[in-house]
Amino acid sequence: MSSKAIFSTLYDQMRYAHGIHGQQLLSMQQQCKQIKTIADLHRLASGMHTFSYYLHLHHTMEDQGLFPKIARKTDISHLETHHAQLSQILIEFNNLSSRLKQLKNLDENTKTIIIDATELVDRVSKLVNEHERAEEQVISPDSMRKLFTESEMKQLLNF
């Protein structure tokens, strides 16, 4: 593998995963605008739950495998702050998802819940997008080249 590829592999993989997160968030934002039936609401709840699960898994892998190694070379406290905020907001996300799944029909009270869901999806989207752009800056090929040798990069990637 070329030197260029070694320093860009992590970035490319992360951008791919982050792109999926972005697509999922856009889909949920669209779903919030198009809720007409209880089935629509339950689909949104399911999407929220799935997104939360996979984002938590993604961040757990980063926190346990990748970012501790990077933190030894540079300050990434801003990412750690984001992770704490994301953990908290994902709890809200899961709680709301559970509430949505329990609803049996749409009524006047449901409209308030839909507004709450829309606002929460928008907040999650903003924080996730901000956080993931910050991660991408930290792991950009140019940044990683400044922090790690080619050999260290291979170890980081388990090559």
N, C-alpha and C. Protein backbone atom coordinates (compact mmCIF):
# COMPACT_ATOMS: atom_id res chain seq x y z
N MET A 1 0.85 -1.18 0.00
CA MET A 1 0.00 0.00 0.00
C MET A 1 0.89 1.24 0.00
N SER A 2 0.53 2.20 -0.82
CA SER A 2 1.34 3.41 -0.94
C SER A 2 1.23 4.26 0.32
N SER A 3 2.20 5.12 0.50
CA SER A 3 2.20 6.03 1.64
C SER A 3 0.95 6.90 1.65
N LYS A 4 0.58 7.38 0.46
CA LYS A 4 -0.62 8.22 0.35
C LYS A 4 -1.85 7.44 0.81
N ALA A 5 -1.97 6.20 0.37
CA ALA A 5 -3.13 5.37 0.73
C ALA A 5 -3.17 5.09 2.23
N ILE A 6 -2.01 4.88 2.83
CA ILE A 6 -1.96 4.60 4.26
C ILE A 6 -2.53 5.78 5.05
N PHE A 7 -2.21 6.97 4.64
CA PHE A 7 -2.69 8.14 5.38
C PHE A 7 -4.12 8.56 5.00
N SER A 8 -4.62 8.05 3.89
CA SER A 8 -5.98 8.43 3.48
C SER A 8 -7.02 7.36 3.78
N THR A 9 -6.61 6.13 4.06
CA THR A 9 -7.55 5.03 4.29
C THR A 9 -8.50 5.32 5.44
N LEU A 10 -7.98 5.71 6.57
CA LEU A 10 -8.82 5.99 7.74
C LEU A 10 -9.81 7.11 7.43
N TYR A 11 -9.33 8.15 6.82
CA TYR A 11 -10.17 9.29 6.47
C TYR A 11 -11.29 8.86 5.52
N ASP A 12 -10.95 8.09 4.51
CA ASP A 12 -11.94 7.63 3.54
C ASP A 12 -13.00 6.75 4.20
N GLN A 13 -12.56 5.84 5.06
CA GLN A 13 -13.50 4.97 5.77
C GLN A 13 -14.42 5.78 6.68
N MET A 14 -13.85 6.75 7.37
CA MET A 14 -14.64 7.57 8.28
C MET A 14 -15.64 8.42 7.50
N ARG A 15 -15.21 8.99 6.38
CA ARG A 15 -16.13 9.80 5.56
C ARG A 15 -17.28 8.94 5.04
N TYR A 16 -16.99 7.69 4.71
CA TYR A 16 -18.04 6.79 4.25
C TYR A 16 -19.07 6.56 5.36
N ALA A 17 -18.60 6.21 6.56
CA ALA A 17 -19.51 5.98 7.69
C ALA A 17 -20.29 7.24 8.02
N HIS A 18 -19.61 8.38 8.02
CA HIS A 18 -20.28 9.64 8.33
C HIS A 18 -21.32 9.99 7.26
N GLY A 19 -21.03 9.63 6.02
CA GLY A 19 -22.00 9.86 4.95
C GLY A 19 -23.29 9.08 5.18
N ILE A 20 -23.14 7.84 5.65
CA ILE A 20 -24.32 7.03 5.97
C ILE A 20 -25.11 7.69 7.10
N HIS A 21 -24.40 8.17 8.13
CA HIS A 21 -25.09 8.86 9.23
C HIS A 21 -25.87 10.06 8.70
N GLY A 22 -25.24 10.82 7.83
CA GLY A 22 -25.89 12.00 7.26
C GLY A 22 -27.14 11.64 6.48
N GLN A 23 -27.06 10.56 5.70
CA GLN A 23 -28.23 10.11 4.93
C GLN A 23 -29.36 9.67 5.86
N GLN A 24 -29.01 8.97 6.92
CA GLN A 24 -30.03 8.52 7.87
C GLN A 24 -30.71 9.72 8.55
N LEU A 25 -29.91 10.71 8.91
CA LEU A 25 -30.47 11.89 9.56
C LEU A 25 -31.38 12.67 8.61
N LEU A 26 -30.95 12.82 7.35
CA LEU A 26 -31.80 13.50 6.37
C LEU A 26 -33.11 12.75 6.17
N SER A 27 -33.03 11.43 6.14
CA SER A 27 -34.23 10.62 5.99
C SER A 27 -35.19 10.84 7.16
N MET A 28 -34.65 10.86 8.38
CA MET A 28 -35.50 11.10 9.55
C MET A 28 -36.10 12.50 9.52
N GLN A 29 -35.32 13.48 9.08
CA GLN A 29 -35.86 14.84 8.99
C GLN A 29 -37.02 14.89 7.99
N GLN A 30 -36.88 14.18 6.87
CA GLN A 30 -37.97 14.11 5.89
C GLN A 30 -39.18 13.38 6.47
N GLN A 31 -38.92 12.29 7.17
CA GLN A 31 -40.02 11.53 7.78
C GLN A 31 -40.82 12.40 8.75
N CYS A 32 -40.13 13.22 9.51
CA CYS A 32 -40.81 14.11 10.47
C CYS A 32 -41.81 15.02 9.75
N LYS A 33 -41.45 15.46 8.56
CA LYS A 33 -42.31 16.39 7.81
C LYS A 33 -43.48 15.68 7.14
N GLN A 34 -43.39 14.36 7.01
CA GLN A 34 -44.39 13.62 6.23
C GLN A 34 -45.25 12.68 7.06
N ILE A 35 -45.25 12.83 8.37
CA ILE A 35 -46.03 11.93 9.22
C ILE A 35 -47.52 12.19 9.01
N LYS A 36 -48.20 11.14 8.56
CA LYS A 36 -49.65 11.24 8.34
C LYS A 36 -50.41 10.14 9.08
N THR A 37 -49.71 9.04 9.38
CA THR A 37 -50.36 7.90 10.03
C THR A 37 -49.54 7.44 11.22
N ILE A 38 -50.15 6.61 12.04
CA ILE A 38 -49.43 6.05 13.18
C ILE A 38 -48.28 5.16 12.69
N ALA A 39 -48.46 4.51 11.54
CA ALA A 39 -47.38 3.68 10.97
C ALA A 39 -46.17 4.55 10.61
N ASP A 40 -46.42 5.76 10.09
CA ASP A 40 -45.33 6.70 9.78
C ASP A 40 -44.56 7.03 11.06
N LEU A 41 -45.31 7.26 12.12
CA LEU A 41 -44.69 7.61 13.41
C LEU A 41 -43.87 6.43 13.94
N HIS A 42 -44.40 5.24 13.81
CA HIS A 42 -43.67 4.06 14.28
C HIS A 42 -42.42 3.80 13.43
N ARG A 43 -42.49 4.08 12.12
CA ARG A 43 -41.29 3.95 11.27
C ARG A 43 -40.21 4.94 11.72
N LEU A 44 -40.63 6.16 12.02
CA LEU A 44 -39.68 7.16 12.53
C LEU A 44 -39.05 6.67 13.82
N ALA A 45 -39.87 6.15 14.73
CA ALA A 45 -39.35 5.64 16.01
C ALA A 45 -38.33 4.53 15.78
N SER A 46 -38.64 3.64 14.86
CA SER A 46 -37.72 2.55 14.55
C SER A 46 -36.42 3.09 13.96
N GLY A 47 -36.53 4.06 13.07
CA GLY A 47 -35.34 4.67 12.48
C GLY A 47 -34.48 5.37 13.52
N MET A 48 -35.14 6.05 14.45
CA MET A 48 -34.41 6.73 15.53
C MET A 48 -33.65 5.72 16.38
N HIS A 49 -34.32 4.62 16.71
CA HIS A 49 -33.70 3.59 17.54
C HIS A 49 -32.50 2.97 16.82
N THR A 50 -32.68 2.63 15.55
CA THR A 50 -31.59 2.03 14.76
C THR A 50 -30.42 2.98 14.63
N PHE A 51 -30.70 4.24 14.32
CA PHE A 51 -29.64 5.24 14.18
C PHE A 51 -28.86 5.36 15.49
N SER A 52 -29.58 5.47 16.58
CA SER A 52 -28.94 5.62 17.89
C SER A 52 -28.04 4.44 18.20
N TYR A 53 -28.52 3.24 17.93
CA TYR A 53 -27.74 2.03 18.19
C TYR A 53 -26.43 2.05 17.40
N TYR A 54 -26.52 2.32 16.09
CA TYR A 54 -25.32 2.27 15.25
C TYR A 54 -24.38 3.44 15.50
N LEU A 55 -24.91 4.60 15.84
CA LEU A 55 -24.03 5.72 16.18
C LEU A 55 -23.28 5.43 17.47
N HIS A 56 -23.99 4.85 18.44
CA HIS A 56 -23.33 4.48 19.71
C HIS A 56 -22.22 3.46 19.45
N LEU A 57 -22.50 2.48 18.61
CA LEU A 57 -21.50 1.47 18.26
C LEU A 57 -20.29 2.12 17.58
N HIS A 58 -20.55 3.02 16.65
CA HIS A 58 -19.50 3.74 15.93
C HIS A 58 -18.61 4.50 16.92
N HIS A 59 -19.22 5.23 17.84
CA HIS A 59 -18.45 6.02 18.79
C HIS A 59 -17.72 5.15 19.82
N THR A 60 -18.31 4.03 20.18
CA THR A 60 -17.63 3.11 21.09
C THR A 60 -16.34 2.59 20.46
N MET A 61 -16.42 2.22 19.18
CA MET A 61 -15.21 1.74 18.49
C MET A 61 -14.16 2.85 18.43
N GLU A 62 -14.58 4.06 18.14
CA GLU A 62 -13.64 5.19 18.10
C GLU A 62 -13.01 5.42 19.46
N ASP A 63 -13.85 5.43 20.49
CA ASP A 63 -13.38 5.74 21.85
C ASP A 63 -12.46 4.66 22.39
N GLN A 64 -12.66 3.43 22.00
CA GLN A 64 -11.84 2.35 22.53
C GLN A 64 -10.61 2.05 21.68
N GLY A 65 -10.72 2.27 20.37
CA GLY A 65 -9.62 1.85 19.52
C GLY A 65 -8.81 2.96 18.90
N LEU A 66 -9.48 3.94 18.37
CA LEU A 66 -8.79 4.94 17.55
C LEU A 66 -8.36 6.17 18.33
N PHE A 67 -9.31 6.83 18.94
CA PHE A 67 -9.00 8.15 19.48
C PHE A 67 -8.07 8.16 20.70
N PRO A 68 -8.02 7.12 21.51
CA PRO A 68 -7.00 7.14 22.58
C PRO A 68 -5.57 7.23 22.01
N LYS A 69 -5.34 6.58 20.88
CA LYS A 69 -4.01 6.61 20.24
C LYS A 69 -3.74 8.01 19.67
N ILE A 70 -4.75 8.62 19.10
CA ILE A 70 -4.57 9.97 18.55
C ILE A 70 -4.41 10.97 19.69
N ALA A 71 -5.12 10.75 20.79
CA ALA A 71 -5.06 11.68 21.93
C ALA A 71 -3.67 11.73 22.55
N ARG A 72 -2.89 10.67 22.36
CA ARG A 72 -1.51 10.69 22.88
C ARG A 72 -0.62 11.63 22.07
N LYS A 73 -1.08 12.01 20.88
CA LYS A 73 -0.27 12.85 19.99
C LYS A 73 -0.80 14.28 19.86
N THR A 74 -2.10 14.49 20.14
CA THR A 74 -2.68 15.83 19.96
C THR A 74 -3.92 15.97 20.84
N ASP A 75 -4.29 17.21 21.07
CA ASP A 75 -5.46 17.50 21.89
C ASP A 75 -6.74 17.24 21.09
N ILE A 76 -7.56 16.32 21.58
CA ILE A 76 -8.85 16.06 20.94
C ILE A 76 -9.98 16.21 21.96
N SER A 77 -9.76 17.05 22.95
CA SER A 77 -10.77 17.22 24.00
C SER A 77 -12.10 17.70 23.43
N HIS A 78 -12.05 18.46 22.33
CA HIS A 78 -13.30 18.92 21.73
C HIS A 78 -14.14 17.74 21.22
N LEU A 79 -13.48 16.69 20.74
CA LEU A 79 -14.21 15.50 20.30
C LEU A 79 -14.78 14.74 21.49
N GLU A 80 -14.02 14.70 22.57
CA GLU A 80 -14.51 14.04 23.78
C GLU A 80 -15.72 14.76 24.34
N THR A 81 -15.71 16.10 24.28
CA THR A 81 -16.86 16.89 24.72
C THR A 81 -18.08 16.57 23.86
N HIS A 82 -17.87 16.51 22.55
CA HIS A 82 -18.96 16.14 21.64
C HIS A 82 -19.51 14.76 21.98
N HIS A 83 -18.64 13.80 22.24
CA HIS A 83 -19.09 12.45 22.54
C HIS A 83 -19.96 12.44 23.79
N ALA A 84 -19.59 13.22 24.79
CA ALA A 84 -20.41 13.30 26.01
C ALA A 84 -21.77 13.91 25.68
N GLN A 85 -21.78 14.97 24.87
CA GLN A 85 -23.05 15.60 24.47
C GLN A 85 -23.89 14.62 23.64
N LEU A 86 -23.24 13.90 22.74
CA LEU A 86 -23.96 12.94 21.91
C LEU A 86 -24.54 11.80 22.75
N SER A 87 -23.80 11.34 23.72
CA SER A 87 -24.31 10.28 24.60
C SER A 87 -25.58 10.74 25.30
N GLN A 88 -25.58 11.97 25.78
CA GLN A 88 -26.75 12.52 26.47
C GLN A 88 -27.93 12.68 25.51
N ILE A 89 -27.68 13.23 24.36
CA ILE A 89 -28.79 13.47 23.42
C ILE A 89 -29.33 12.16 22.85
N LEU A 90 -28.48 11.13 22.75
CA LEU A 90 -28.97 9.84 22.27
C LEU A 90 -29.87 9.16 23.31
N ILE A 91 -29.66 9.46 24.58
CA ILE A 91 -30.58 8.98 25.61
C ILE A 91 -31.96 9.60 25.37
N GLU A 92 -31.98 10.91 25.11
CA GLU A 92 -33.25 11.58 24.79
C GLU A 92 -33.87 10.97 23.54
N PHE A 93 -33.04 10.69 22.55
CA PHE A 93 -33.48 10.10 21.29
C PHE A 93 -34.17 8.75 21.54
N ASN A 94 -33.52 7.91 22.34
CA ASN A 94 -34.08 6.59 22.64
C ASN A 94 -35.36 6.70 23.45
N ASN A 95 -35.38 7.62 24.41
CA ASN A 95 -36.59 7.80 25.22
C ASN A 95 -37.76 8.24 24.35
N LEU A 96 -37.51 9.17 23.45
CA LEU A 96 -38.58 9.63 22.57
C LEU A 96 -38.99 8.52 21.61
N SER A 97 -38.04 7.77 21.10
CA SER A 97 -38.35 6.65 20.23
C SER A 97 -39.28 5.67 20.94
N SER A 98 -39.01 5.37 22.18
CA SER A 98 -39.86 4.46 22.96
C SER A 98 -41.27 5.04 23.13
N ARG A 99 -41.34 6.34 23.41
CA ARG A 99 -42.67 6.98 23.54
C ARG A 99 -43.44 6.90 22.23
N LEU A 100 -42.76 7.14 21.11
CA LEU A 100 -43.42 7.10 19.81
C LEU A 100 -43.95 5.69 19.50
N LYS A 101 -43.16 4.67 19.85
CA LYS A 101 -43.56 3.29 19.58
C LYS A 101 -44.82 2.90 20.37
N GLN A 102 -45.04 3.54 21.51
CA GLN A 102 -46.18 3.20 22.36
C GLN A 102 -47.48 3.88 21.92
N LEU A 103 -47.38 4.88 21.08
CA LEU A 103 -48.59 5.57 20.64
C LEU A 103 -49.46 4.65 19.78
N LYS A 104 -50.76 4.73 20.01
CA LYS A 104 -51.71 3.85 19.31
C LYS A 104 -52.44 4.55 18.18
N ASN A 105 -52.56 5.88 18.27
CA ASN A 105 -53.24 6.62 17.21
C ASN A 105 -52.77 8.07 17.21
N LEU A 106 -53.08 8.75 16.12
CA LEU A 106 -52.73 10.16 16.00
C LEU A 106 -53.90 10.99 16.51
N ASP A 107 -53.58 11.96 17.37
CA ASP A 107 -54.60 12.89 17.85
C ASP A 107 -53.95 14.25 18.07
N GLU A 108 -54.65 15.16 18.70
CA GLU A 108 -54.11 16.51 18.92
C GLU A 108 -52.83 16.49 19.75
N ASN A 109 -52.75 15.62 20.74
CA ASN A 109 -51.54 15.53 21.57
C ASN A 109 -50.35 15.01 20.77
N THR A 110 -50.61 14.20 19.77
CA THR A 110 -49.55 13.64 18.95
C THR A 110 -48.83 14.73 18.17
N LYS A 111 -49.56 15.76 17.79
CA LYS A 111 -48.93 16.87 17.04
C LYS A 111 -47.79 17.49 17.85
N THR A 112 -47.98 17.63 19.13
CA THR A 112 -46.93 18.17 20.01
C THR A 112 -45.73 17.22 20.04
N ILE A 113 -46.03 15.95 20.10
CA ILE A 113 -44.95 14.94 20.12
C ILE A 113 -44.19 14.97 18.80
N ILE A 114 -44.90 15.14 17.70
CA ILE A 114 -44.24 15.21 16.38
C ILE A 114 -43.34 16.44 16.31
N ILE A 115 -43.81 17.56 16.86
CA ILE A 115 -42.97 18.77 16.91
C ILE A 115 -41.73 18.50 17.76
N ASP A 116 -41.91 17.86 18.91
CA ASP A 116 -40.76 17.51 19.77
C ASP A 116 -39.78 16.60 19.03
N ALA A 117 -40.33 15.61 18.32
CA ALA A 117 -39.47 14.68 17.57
C ALA A 117 -38.70 15.41 16.48
N THR A 118 -39.37 16.31 15.78
CA THR A 118 -38.73 17.07 14.71
C THR A 118 -37.60 17.92 15.28
N GLU A 119 -37.86 18.60 16.38
CA GLU A 119 -36.82 19.44 17.01
C GLU A 119 -35.65 18.60 17.49
N LEU A 120 -35.93 17.43 18.06
CA LEU A 120 -34.85 16.58 18.54
C LEU A 120 -34.04 16.01 17.39
N VAL A 121 -34.70 15.57 16.33
CA VAL A 121 -33.97 15.06 15.16
C VAL A 121 -33.08 16.17 14.60
N ASP A 122 -33.59 17.39 14.54
CA ASP A 122 -32.78 18.51 14.05
C ASP A 122 -31.59 18.79 14.96
N ARG A 123 -31.79 18.72 16.27
CA ARG A 123 -30.67 18.93 17.23
C ARG A 123 -29.62 17.84 17.08
N VAL A 124 -30.08 16.59 16.99
CA VAL A 124 -29.14 15.47 16.82
C VAL A 124 -28.38 15.63 15.52
N SER A 125 -29.09 15.99 14.46
CA SER A 125 -28.45 16.17 13.16
C SER A 125 -27.36 17.24 13.21
N LYS A 126 -27.68 18.36 13.82
CA LYS A 126 -26.70 19.46 13.91
C LYS A 126 -25.47 19.03 14.71
N LEU A 127 -25.68 18.39 15.85
CA LEU A 127 -24.55 17.97 16.68
C LEU A 127 -23.73 16.88 16.01
N VAL A 128 -24.39 15.90 15.43
CA VAL A 128 -23.66 14.81 14.76
C VAL A 128 -22.85 15.37 13.59
N ASN A 129 -23.46 16.22 12.78
CA ASN A 129 -22.73 16.79 11.64
C ASN A 129 -21.54 17.62 12.09
N GLU A 130 -21.73 18.44 13.10
CA GLU A 130 -20.62 19.26 13.63
C GLU A 130 -19.51 18.36 14.17
N HIS A 131 -19.89 17.35 14.92
CA HIS A 131 -18.92 16.43 15.51
C HIS A 131 -18.15 15.66 14.44
N GLU A 132 -18.88 15.16 13.46
CA GLU A 132 -18.22 14.34 12.45
C GLU A 132 -17.29 15.17 11.56
N ARG A 133 -17.64 16.41 11.29
CA ARG A 133 -16.71 17.28 10.54
C ARG A 133 -15.44 17.52 11.37
N ALA A 134 -15.60 17.70 12.69
CA ALA A 134 -14.43 17.90 13.56
C ALA A 134 -13.55 16.65 13.58
N GLU A 135 -14.17 15.48 13.63
CA GLU A 135 -13.40 14.23 13.57
C GLU A 135 -12.62 14.15 12.26
N GLU A 136 -13.27 14.49 11.18
CA GLU A 136 -12.63 14.41 9.87
C GLU A 136 -11.44 15.37 9.78
N GLN A 137 -11.53 16.51 10.42
CA GLN A 137 -10.37 17.42 10.44
C GLN A 137 -9.20 16.79 11.19
N VAL A 138 -9.50 16.13 12.30
CA VAL A 138 -8.45 15.50 13.11
C VAL A 138 -7.77 14.37 12.34
N ILE A 139 -8.55 13.59 11.60
CA ILE A 139 -7.98 12.41 10.93
C ILE A 139 -7.71 12.63 9.45
N SER A 140 -7.76 13.88 9.00
CA SER A 140 -7.45 14.13 7.60
C SER A 140 -6.04 13.63 7.30
N PRO A 141 -5.79 13.23 6.06
CA PRO A 141 -4.44 12.74 5.73
C PRO A 141 -3.34 13.72 6.11
N ASP A 142 -3.55 15.01 5.89
CA ASP A 142 -2.52 16.00 6.24
C ASP A 142 -2.29 16.04 7.75
N SER A 143 -3.36 16.00 8.52
CA SER A 143 -3.22 16.02 9.98
C SER A 143 -2.52 14.76 10.48
N MET A 144 -2.91 13.61 9.95
CA MET A 144 -2.33 12.35 10.40
C MET A 144 -0.85 12.26 10.03
N ARG A 145 -0.49 12.80 8.87
CA ARG A 145 0.91 12.81 8.44
C ARG A 145 1.77 13.62 9.41
N LYS A 146 1.20 14.66 10.00
CA LYS A 146 1.93 15.49 10.96
C LYS A 146 2.09 14.79 12.30
N LEU A 147 1.17 13.88 12.61
CA LEU A 147 1.16 13.23 13.92
C LEU A 147 1.85 11.87 13.95
N PHE A 148 1.76 11.12 12.84
CA PHE A 148 2.20 9.73 12.83
C PHE A 148 3.18 9.47 11.70
N THR A 149 4.11 8.56 11.97
CA THR A 149 4.96 8.06 10.90
C THR A 149 4.15 7.03 10.10
N GLU A 150 4.68 6.64 8.98
CA GLU A 150 4.01 5.62 8.16
C GLU A 150 3.87 4.31 8.94
N SER A 151 4.92 3.96 9.66
CA SER A 151 4.90 2.73 10.46
C SER A 151 3.84 2.82 11.57
N GLU A 152 3.78 3.96 12.25
CA GLU A 152 2.77 4.14 13.30
C GLU A 152 1.36 4.09 12.72
N MET A 153 1.21 4.63 11.53
CA MET A 153 -0.09 4.65 10.88
C MET A 153 -0.52 3.22 10.56
N LYS A 154 0.41 2.40 10.10
CA LYS A 154 0.09 1.00 9.81
C LYS A 154 -0.36 0.28 11.09
N GLN A 155 0.30 0.57 12.21
CA GLN A 155 -0.10 -0.03 13.48
C GLN A 155 -1.49 0.45 13.90
N LEU A 156 -1.75 1.73 13.71
CA LEU A 156 -3.04 2.31 14.05
C LEU A 156 -4.15 1.64 13.25
N LEU A 157 -3.87 1.34 12.00
CA LEU A 157 -4.86 0.71 11.11
C LEU A 157 -4.83 -0.81 11.18
N ASN A 158 -3.95 -1.36 12.01
CA ASN A 158 -3.79 -2.80 12.14
C ASN A 158 -3.39 -3.48 10.83
N PHE A 159 -2.50 -2.81 10.08
CA PHE A 159 -1.97 -3.38 8.82
C PHE A 159 -0.71 -4.15 9.12
